[in-house]
Amino acid sequence: MSTDRTHQHLVIFDKAGVKKFEGDIGKKTVAITGIEPGTSVANGEYQVAWSDGISLSRKVDVPGFTVKVPVTGITLTKSELSMTVGDQTYVGAVVSPSNATNQKITCSSTDEAVATFDYTGLVVAKGVGKTTIKATTADGGFTASCTVTVKK
């Protein structure tokens, strides 16, 4: 039989037993804040317990974790590109900061009949015209673009 936690909240303690953070009543989560991005926190550095305001459940160790480093932007190595149909070239995408936890990006072209752009940075000129290629970060949705002009 499970315990009714609707009138309780989670409390986080440091390893010295000092209360550091409290969650909202009835919620099964609580945030540990104020730790620098990229910091690794060891298993048991914090403990968590349920509280009804009077008594506490048994404290248990919070598993170790590393604080995520958020993406702050993205740039492409070129902002304009002139190509001939059939040409191939590479455009690099640089996620900032370089130690961001999630470096994943998606690549696209506004007109794939003119040029394509894939996750490796490969740009292929397909047909005459002008298009914009774009890289977008998975974390934060930051974008960078490059105008591609393709001639015969």
N, C-alpha and C. Protein backbone atom coordinates (compact mmCIF):
# COMPACT_ATOMS: atom_id res chain seq x y z
N MET A 1 0.84 -1.18 0.00
CA MET A 1 0.00 0.00 0.00
C MET A 1 0.89 1.24 0.00
N SER A 2 0.60 2.17 -0.88
CA SER A 2 1.43 3.37 -0.97
C SER A 2 0.93 4.45 -0.01
N THR A 3 1.86 5.30 0.39
CA THR A 3 1.55 6.39 1.31
C THR A 3 0.97 7.57 0.52
N ASP A 4 -0.06 8.21 1.07
CA ASP A 4 -0.65 9.39 0.45
C ASP A 4 0.29 10.58 0.67
N ARG A 5 0.84 11.11 -0.41
CA ARG A 5 1.79 12.22 -0.34
C ARG A 5 1.16 13.55 -0.75
N THR A 6 -0.16 13.60 -0.92
CA THR A 6 -0.81 14.81 -1.42
C THR A 6 -0.70 16.00 -0.46
N HIS A 7 -0.45 15.75 0.81
CA HIS A 7 -0.31 16.84 1.79
C HIS A 7 1.11 16.94 2.33
N GLN A 8 2.05 16.36 1.58
CA GLN A 8 3.46 16.39 1.97
C GLN A 8 4.29 17.06 0.88
N HIS A 9 5.52 17.38 1.21
CA HIS A 9 6.43 17.94 0.22
C HIS A 9 7.81 17.33 0.42
N LEU A 10 8.60 17.36 -0.65
CA LEU A 10 9.97 16.85 -0.58
C LEU A 10 10.89 17.90 0.01
N VAL A 11 11.84 17.43 0.82
CA VAL A 11 12.84 18.31 1.42
C VAL A 11 14.21 17.75 1.08
N ILE A 12 15.11 18.63 0.63
CA ILE A 12 16.48 18.24 0.30
C ILE A 12 17.41 18.74 1.40
N PHE A 13 18.30 17.85 1.84
CA PHE A 13 19.29 18.17 2.87
C PHE A 13 20.68 17.98 2.28
N ASP A 14 21.65 18.77 2.74
CA ASP A 14 23.03 18.51 2.33
C ASP A 14 23.56 17.36 3.19
N LYS A 15 24.79 16.92 2.92
CA LYS A 15 25.31 15.74 3.63
C LYS A 15 25.53 16.00 5.11
N ALA A 16 25.55 17.28 5.53
CA ALA A 16 25.66 17.62 6.96
C ALA A 16 24.29 17.61 7.64
N GLY A 17 23.23 17.37 6.85
CA GLY A 17 21.89 17.32 7.42
C GLY A 17 21.16 18.65 7.47
N VAL A 18 21.73 19.67 6.84
CA VAL A 18 21.11 21.00 6.82
C VAL A 18 20.09 21.07 5.68
N LYS A 19 18.87 21.52 6.00
CA LYS A 19 17.83 21.65 4.99
C LYS A 19 18.24 22.71 3.97
N LYS A 20 18.19 22.35 2.68
CA LYS A 20 18.62 23.26 1.62
C LYS A 20 17.48 23.70 0.70
N PHE A 21 16.58 22.77 0.37
CA PHE A 21 15.52 23.06 -0.60
C PHE A 21 14.24 22.36 -0.19
N GLU A 22 13.11 22.96 -0.56
CA GLU A 22 11.81 22.34 -0.32
C GLU A 22 10.99 22.39 -1.60
N GLY A 23 10.27 21.31 -1.85
CA GLY A 23 9.38 21.27 -3.00
C GLY A 23 7.99 21.73 -2.62
N ASP A 24 7.10 21.78 -3.61
CA ASP A 24 5.71 22.16 -3.37
C ASP A 24 4.92 20.99 -2.82
N ILE A 25 3.92 21.29 -2.01
CA ILE A 25 3.07 20.25 -1.42
C ILE A 25 2.40 19.45 -2.53
N GLY A 26 2.47 18.13 -2.39
CA GLY A 26 1.85 17.21 -3.33
C GLY A 26 2.66 16.91 -4.58
N LYS A 27 3.77 17.59 -4.77
CA LYS A 27 4.60 17.37 -5.96
C LYS A 27 5.69 16.34 -5.67
N LYS A 28 6.02 15.56 -6.70
CA LYS A 28 7.02 14.50 -6.55
C LYS A 28 8.40 14.93 -7.02
N THR A 29 8.58 16.24 -7.22
CA THR A 29 9.88 16.75 -7.65
C THR A 29 10.27 17.96 -6.81
N VAL A 30 11.56 18.20 -6.75
CA VAL A 30 12.10 19.39 -6.10
C VAL A 30 13.40 19.74 -6.82
N ALA A 31 13.65 21.02 -7.01
CA ALA A 31 14.84 21.46 -7.74
C ALA A 31 15.98 21.74 -6.77
N ILE A 32 17.15 21.26 -7.16
CA ILE A 32 18.39 21.61 -6.46
C ILE A 32 19.03 22.68 -7.34
N THR A 33 19.10 23.91 -6.84
CA THR A 33 19.56 25.03 -7.67
C THR A 33 20.83 25.65 -7.12
N GLY A 34 21.40 26.56 -7.89
CA GLY A 34 22.56 27.31 -7.44
C GLY A 34 23.89 26.62 -7.63
N ILE A 35 23.89 25.53 -8.40
CA ILE A 35 25.14 24.81 -8.66
C ILE A 35 25.62 25.20 -10.06
N GLU A 36 26.89 25.48 -10.19
CA GLU A 36 27.46 25.90 -11.47
C GLU A 36 27.23 24.83 -12.55
N PRO A 37 26.86 25.25 -13.77
CA PRO A 37 26.74 24.30 -14.88
C PRO A 37 28.03 23.52 -15.07
N GLY A 38 27.90 22.24 -15.37
CA GLY A 38 29.05 21.37 -15.57
C GLY A 38 29.58 20.72 -14.31
N THR A 39 29.06 21.12 -13.14
CA THR A 39 29.51 20.56 -11.87
C THR A 39 28.97 19.15 -11.68
N SER A 40 29.83 18.23 -11.27
CA SER A 40 29.40 16.87 -10.93
C SER A 40 29.15 16.79 -9.44
N VAL A 41 27.99 16.28 -9.08
CA VAL A 41 27.60 16.13 -7.68
C VAL A 41 27.60 14.63 -7.37
N ALA A 42 28.31 14.24 -6.32
CA ALA A 42 28.47 12.83 -5.97
C ALA A 42 27.20 12.24 -5.38
N ASN A 43 27.05 10.94 -5.54
CA ASN A 43 25.96 10.20 -4.91
C ASN A 43 26.00 10.45 -3.41
N GLY A 44 24.88 10.84 -2.81
CA GLY A 44 24.82 11.06 -1.37
C GLY A 44 25.22 12.45 -0.92
N GLU A 45 25.65 13.30 -1.85
CA GLU A 45 25.99 14.69 -1.51
C GLU A 45 24.75 15.39 -0.95
N TYR A 46 23.60 14.98 -1.46
CA TYR A 46 22.30 15.47 -0.97
C TYR A 46 21.45 14.28 -0.58
N GLN A 47 20.51 14.52 0.34
CA GLN A 47 19.53 13.50 0.72
C GLN A 47 18.15 14.12 0.60
N VAL A 48 17.15 13.26 0.39
CA VAL A 48 15.78 13.73 0.22
C VAL A 48 14.86 12.95 1.16
N ALA A 49 13.83 13.63 1.66
CA ALA A 49 12.83 13.00 2.52
C ALA A 49 11.50 13.71 2.30
N TRP A 50 10.41 13.01 2.60
CA TRP A 50 9.08 13.61 2.57
C TRP A 50 8.80 14.26 3.92
N SER A 51 8.08 15.37 3.92
CA SER A 51 7.71 16.04 5.17
C SER A 51 6.25 16.47 5.11
N ASP A 52 5.58 16.33 6.26
CA ASP A 52 4.21 16.84 6.37
C ASP A 52 4.19 18.14 7.17
N GLY A 53 5.37 18.69 7.43
CA GLY A 53 5.50 19.90 8.22
C GLY A 53 5.81 19.63 9.68
N ILE A 54 5.59 18.38 10.11
CA ILE A 54 5.85 18.00 11.49
C ILE A 54 6.93 16.92 11.55
N SER A 55 6.74 15.89 10.75
CA SER A 55 7.69 14.77 10.77
C SER A 55 8.26 14.53 9.37
N LEU A 56 9.36 13.76 9.36
CA LEU A 56 10.04 13.43 8.11
C LEU A 56 10.02 11.93 7.88
N SER A 57 9.97 11.54 6.61
CA SER A 57 10.20 10.14 6.27
C SER A 57 11.70 9.88 6.40
N ARG A 58 12.10 8.65 6.18
CA ARG A 58 13.52 8.31 6.21
C ARG A 58 14.22 9.03 5.05
N LYS A 59 15.38 9.61 5.34
CA LYS A 59 16.17 10.28 4.30
C LYS A 59 16.84 9.23 3.42
N VAL A 60 16.85 9.50 2.12
CA VAL A 60 17.55 8.63 1.17
C VAL A 60 18.50 9.49 0.33
N ASP A 61 19.59 8.87 -0.11
CA ASP A 61 20.57 9.58 -0.92
C ASP A 61 20.01 9.96 -2.28
N VAL A 62 20.32 11.17 -2.71
CA VAL A 62 20.02 11.59 -4.08
C VAL A 62 21.14 11.02 -4.95
N PRO A 63 20.80 10.32 -6.04
CA PRO A 63 21.85 9.79 -6.92
C PRO A 63 22.73 10.91 -7.47
N GLY A 64 23.98 10.58 -7.75
CA GLY A 64 24.89 11.56 -8.31
C GLY A 64 24.39 12.08 -9.65
N PHE A 65 24.78 13.30 -9.98
CA PHE A 65 24.35 13.90 -11.25
C PHE A 65 25.35 14.98 -11.65
N THR A 66 25.28 15.36 -12.90
CA THR A 66 26.07 16.48 -13.41
C THR A 66 25.11 17.55 -13.88
N VAL A 67 25.34 18.77 -13.46
CA VAL A 67 24.49 19.89 -13.85
C VAL A 67 24.73 20.19 -15.33
N LYS A 68 23.65 20.24 -16.09
CA LYS A 68 23.76 20.47 -17.53
C LYS A 68 24.32 21.86 -17.83
N VAL A 69 25.08 21.92 -18.92
CA VAL A 69 25.59 23.19 -19.43
C VAL A 69 24.68 23.56 -20.61
N PRO A 70 23.89 24.62 -20.48
CA PRO A 70 22.95 24.96 -21.55
C PRO A 70 23.63 25.60 -22.76
N VAL A 71 23.01 25.39 -23.92
CA VAL A 71 23.47 26.03 -25.14
C VAL A 71 23.11 27.51 -25.08
N THR A 72 24.02 28.37 -25.54
CA THR A 72 23.75 29.81 -25.57
C THR A 72 23.70 30.36 -27.00
N GLY A 73 24.05 29.52 -27.98
CA GLY A 73 23.99 29.99 -29.36
C GLY A 73 24.63 29.01 -30.33
N ILE A 74 24.55 29.37 -31.59
CA ILE A 74 25.16 28.57 -32.66
C ILE A 74 25.59 29.51 -33.78
N THR A 75 26.68 29.18 -34.44
CA THR A 75 27.13 29.93 -35.61
C THR A 75 27.49 28.95 -36.71
N LEU A 76 27.42 29.42 -37.94
CA LEU A 76 27.90 28.64 -39.08
C LEU A 76 29.22 29.25 -39.53
N THR A 77 30.08 28.43 -40.13
CA THR A 77 31.39 28.92 -40.57
C THR A 77 31.30 29.81 -41.80
N LYS A 78 30.13 29.82 -42.46
CA LYS A 78 29.92 30.70 -43.61
C LYS A 78 28.54 31.32 -43.50
N SER A 79 28.42 32.58 -43.93
CA SER A 79 27.11 33.24 -43.93
C SER A 79 26.54 33.36 -45.34
N GLU A 80 27.42 33.25 -46.34
CA GLU A 80 27.01 33.26 -47.75
C GLU A 80 27.85 32.24 -48.50
N LEU A 81 27.23 31.65 -49.52
CA LEU A 81 27.91 30.61 -50.28
C LEU A 81 27.45 30.73 -51.73
N SER A 82 28.40 30.68 -52.67
CA SER A 82 28.09 30.68 -54.10
C SER A 82 28.58 29.36 -54.66
N MET A 83 27.68 28.64 -55.33
CA MET A 83 28.01 27.31 -55.82
C MET A 83 27.52 27.14 -57.26
N THR A 84 28.01 26.08 -57.90
CA THR A 84 27.56 25.68 -59.22
C THR A 84 26.80 24.36 -59.06
N VAL A 85 25.76 24.16 -59.88
CA VAL A 85 24.99 22.92 -59.80
C VAL A 85 25.94 21.73 -59.82
N GLY A 86 25.75 20.81 -58.88
CA GLY A 86 26.59 19.61 -58.77
C GLY A 86 27.72 19.75 -57.75
N ASP A 87 28.04 20.98 -57.37
CA ASP A 87 29.10 21.20 -56.37
C ASP A 87 28.69 20.67 -55.00
N GLN A 88 29.71 20.32 -54.23
CA GLN A 88 29.51 19.94 -52.83
C GLN A 88 30.56 20.67 -51.99
N THR A 89 30.14 21.11 -50.82
CA THR A 89 31.08 21.75 -49.90
C THR A 89 30.59 21.52 -48.48
N TYR A 90 31.39 21.90 -47.53
CA TYR A 90 31.02 21.73 -46.12
C TYR A 90 30.90 23.09 -45.44
N VAL A 91 29.88 23.21 -44.61
CA VAL A 91 29.69 24.38 -43.76
C VAL A 91 29.62 23.85 -42.33
N GLY A 92 30.52 24.33 -41.49
CA GLY A 92 30.55 23.86 -40.11
C GLY A 92 29.57 24.61 -39.23
N ALA A 93 29.03 23.90 -38.26
CA ALA A 93 28.16 24.50 -37.25
C ALA A 93 28.89 24.44 -35.92
N VAL A 94 28.94 25.57 -35.22
CA VAL A 94 29.65 25.64 -33.94
C VAL A 94 28.66 26.01 -32.85
N VAL A 95 28.43 25.06 -31.94
CA VAL A 95 27.52 25.27 -30.81
C VAL A 95 28.30 25.93 -29.68
N SER A 96 27.68 26.92 -29.05
CA SER A 96 28.30 27.61 -27.91
C SER A 96 27.48 27.40 -26.65
N PRO A 97 28.15 27.26 -25.51
CA PRO A 97 29.60 27.12 -25.37
C PRO A 97 30.05 25.74 -25.86
N SER A 98 31.34 25.59 -26.04
CA SER A 98 31.87 24.34 -26.59
C SER A 98 31.65 23.15 -25.66
N ASN A 99 31.40 23.41 -24.38
CA ASN A 99 31.16 22.31 -23.42
C ASN A 99 29.67 22.15 -23.11
N ALA A 100 28.80 22.69 -23.96
CA ALA A 100 27.35 22.52 -23.75
C ALA A 100 27.03 21.03 -23.70
N THR A 101 26.14 20.67 -22.80
CA THR A 101 25.80 19.26 -22.60
C THR A 101 25.20 18.64 -23.85
N ASN A 102 24.25 19.31 -24.47
CA ASN A 102 23.56 18.77 -25.65
C ASN A 102 24.02 19.52 -26.89
N GLN A 103 24.90 18.90 -27.66
CA GLN A 103 25.47 19.52 -28.86
C GLN A 103 24.67 19.18 -30.12
N LYS A 104 23.55 18.49 -29.97
CA LYS A 104 22.78 18.03 -31.14
C LYS A 104 22.17 19.21 -31.90
N ILE A 105 22.21 19.07 -33.24
CA ILE A 105 21.60 20.07 -34.11
C ILE A 105 20.80 19.37 -35.21
N THR A 106 19.89 20.13 -35.80
CA THR A 106 19.22 19.68 -37.02
C THR A 106 19.58 20.67 -38.11
N CYS A 107 19.65 20.18 -39.33
CA CYS A 107 20.01 21.02 -40.46
C CYS A 107 18.89 20.98 -41.49
N SER A 108 18.67 22.10 -42.14
CA SER A 108 17.58 22.17 -43.12
C SER A 108 17.92 23.18 -44.21
N SER A 109 17.11 23.13 -45.26
CA SER A 109 17.22 24.06 -46.37
C SER A 109 15.81 24.54 -46.69
N THR A 110 15.66 25.84 -46.98
CA THR A 110 14.33 26.35 -47.31
C THR A 110 13.88 25.88 -48.69
N ASP A 111 14.82 25.43 -49.53
CA ASP A 111 14.47 24.91 -50.86
C ASP A 111 15.46 23.82 -51.23
N GLU A 112 15.10 22.58 -50.96
CA GLU A 112 16.00 21.45 -51.23
C GLU A 112 16.17 21.17 -52.72
N ALA A 113 15.37 21.79 -53.58
CA ALA A 113 15.57 21.67 -55.02
C ALA A 113 16.78 22.50 -55.45
N VAL A 114 17.15 23.48 -54.63
CA VAL A 114 18.32 24.32 -54.91
C VAL A 114 19.56 23.77 -54.23
N ALA A 115 19.47 23.49 -52.92
CA ALA A 115 20.62 22.94 -52.18
C ALA A 115 20.13 22.21 -50.94
N THR A 116 20.85 21.16 -50.59
CA THR A 116 20.55 20.41 -49.36
C THR A 116 21.67 20.65 -48.36
N PHE A 117 21.33 20.44 -47.09
CA PHE A 117 22.28 20.65 -45.99
C PHE A 117 22.01 19.56 -44.97
N ASP A 118 23.02 18.71 -44.69
CA ASP A 118 22.78 17.62 -43.74
C ASP A 118 23.57 17.80 -42.45
N TYR A 119 23.34 16.88 -41.50
CA TYR A 119 23.92 16.98 -40.16
C TYR A 119 25.45 16.92 -40.15
N THR A 120 26.06 16.43 -41.23
CA THR A 120 27.53 16.38 -41.29
C THR A 120 28.10 17.71 -41.75
N GLY A 121 27.22 18.62 -42.21
CA GLY A 121 27.66 19.90 -42.74
C GLY A 121 27.78 19.93 -44.25
N LEU A 122 27.45 18.81 -44.89
CA LEU A 122 27.56 18.72 -46.34
C LEU A 122 26.45 19.54 -47.01
N VAL A 123 26.86 20.44 -47.90
CA VAL A 123 25.93 21.22 -48.71
C VAL A 123 26.09 20.73 -50.15
N VAL A 124 24.97 20.35 -50.77
CA VAL A 124 24.99 19.87 -52.15
C VAL A 124 24.13 20.80 -53.00
N ALA A 125 24.74 21.37 -54.05
CA ALA A 125 24.01 22.24 -54.98
C ALA A 125 23.22 21.37 -55.94
N LYS A 126 21.89 21.49 -55.91
CA LYS A 126 21.01 20.63 -56.71
C LYS A 126 20.48 21.31 -57.96
N GLY A 127 20.15 22.60 -57.85
CA GLY A 127 19.56 23.30 -58.99
C GLY A 127 19.76 24.80 -58.86
N VAL A 128 19.56 25.50 -59.96
CA VAL A 128 19.78 26.95 -60.00
C VAL A 128 18.77 27.66 -59.09
N GLY A 129 19.27 28.63 -58.35
CA GLY A 129 18.39 29.41 -57.48
C GLY A 129 19.09 29.87 -56.22
N LYS A 130 18.27 30.32 -55.28
CA LYS A 130 18.79 30.82 -54.01
C LYS A 130 17.99 30.16 -52.89
N THR A 131 18.69 29.76 -51.84
CA THR A 131 18.04 29.15 -50.68
C THR A 131 18.78 29.55 -49.42
N THR A 132 18.18 29.26 -48.31
CA THR A 132 18.82 29.50 -47.02
C THR A 132 18.96 28.16 -46.32
N ILE A 133 20.19 27.85 -45.91
CA ILE A 133 20.39 26.65 -45.10
C ILE A 133 20.46 27.09 -43.65
N LYS A 134 19.99 26.21 -42.77
CA LYS A 134 19.87 26.60 -41.36
C LYS A 134 20.25 25.43 -40.46
N ALA A 135 20.95 25.75 -39.38
CA ALA A 135 21.25 24.78 -38.31
C ALA A 135 20.53 25.25 -37.06
N THR A 136 19.86 24.31 -36.38
CA THR A 136 19.09 24.63 -35.18
C THR A 136 19.52 23.72 -34.04
N THR A 137 19.79 24.29 -32.88
CA THR A 137 20.19 23.47 -31.73
C THR A 137 18.98 22.78 -31.12
N ALA A 138 19.18 21.55 -30.65
CA ALA A 138 18.12 20.82 -29.95
C ALA A 138 17.84 21.49 -28.60
N ASP A 139 18.88 21.98 -27.96
CA ASP A 139 18.75 22.66 -26.66
C ASP A 139 18.59 24.16 -26.91
N GLY A 140 17.43 24.67 -26.67
CA GLY A 140 17.20 26.11 -26.77
C GLY A 140 16.68 26.60 -28.11
N GLY A 141 16.78 25.77 -29.15
CA GLY A 141 16.26 26.17 -30.45
C GLY A 141 16.98 27.34 -31.10
N PHE A 142 18.26 27.53 -30.78
CA PHE A 142 19.04 28.60 -31.40
C PHE A 142 19.29 28.26 -32.87
N THR A 143 19.32 29.28 -33.73
CA THR A 143 19.52 29.03 -35.16
C THR A 143 20.63 29.90 -35.73
N ALA A 144 21.23 29.39 -36.80
CA ALA A 144 22.19 30.14 -37.60
C ALA A 144 21.91 29.78 -39.05
N SER A 145 22.11 30.74 -39.94
CA SER A 145 21.78 30.47 -41.33
C SER A 145 22.85 30.98 -42.28
N CYS A 146 22.77 30.48 -43.50
CA CYS A 146 23.70 30.82 -44.56
C CYS A 146 22.89 30.89 -45.86
N THR A 147 23.08 31.96 -46.62
CA THR A 147 22.42 32.10 -47.92
C THR A 147 23.25 31.38 -48.97
N VAL A 148 22.61 30.50 -49.73
CA VAL A 148 23.29 29.73 -50.76
C VAL A 148 22.73 30.14 -52.12
N THR A 149 23.61 30.57 -53.01
CA THR A 149 23.23 30.91 -54.38
C THR A 149 23.85 29.86 -55.30
N VAL A 150 23.00 29.22 -56.11
CA VAL A 150 23.48 28.18 -57.01
C VAL A 150 23.27 28.65 -58.45
N LYS A 151 24.35 28.56 -59.25
CA LYS A 151 24.31 28.94 -60.67
C LYS A 151 24.58 27.70 -61.51
N LYS A 152 24.34 27.83 -62.82
CA LYS A 152 24.59 26.72 -63.76
C LYS A 152 26.04 26.34 -63.79
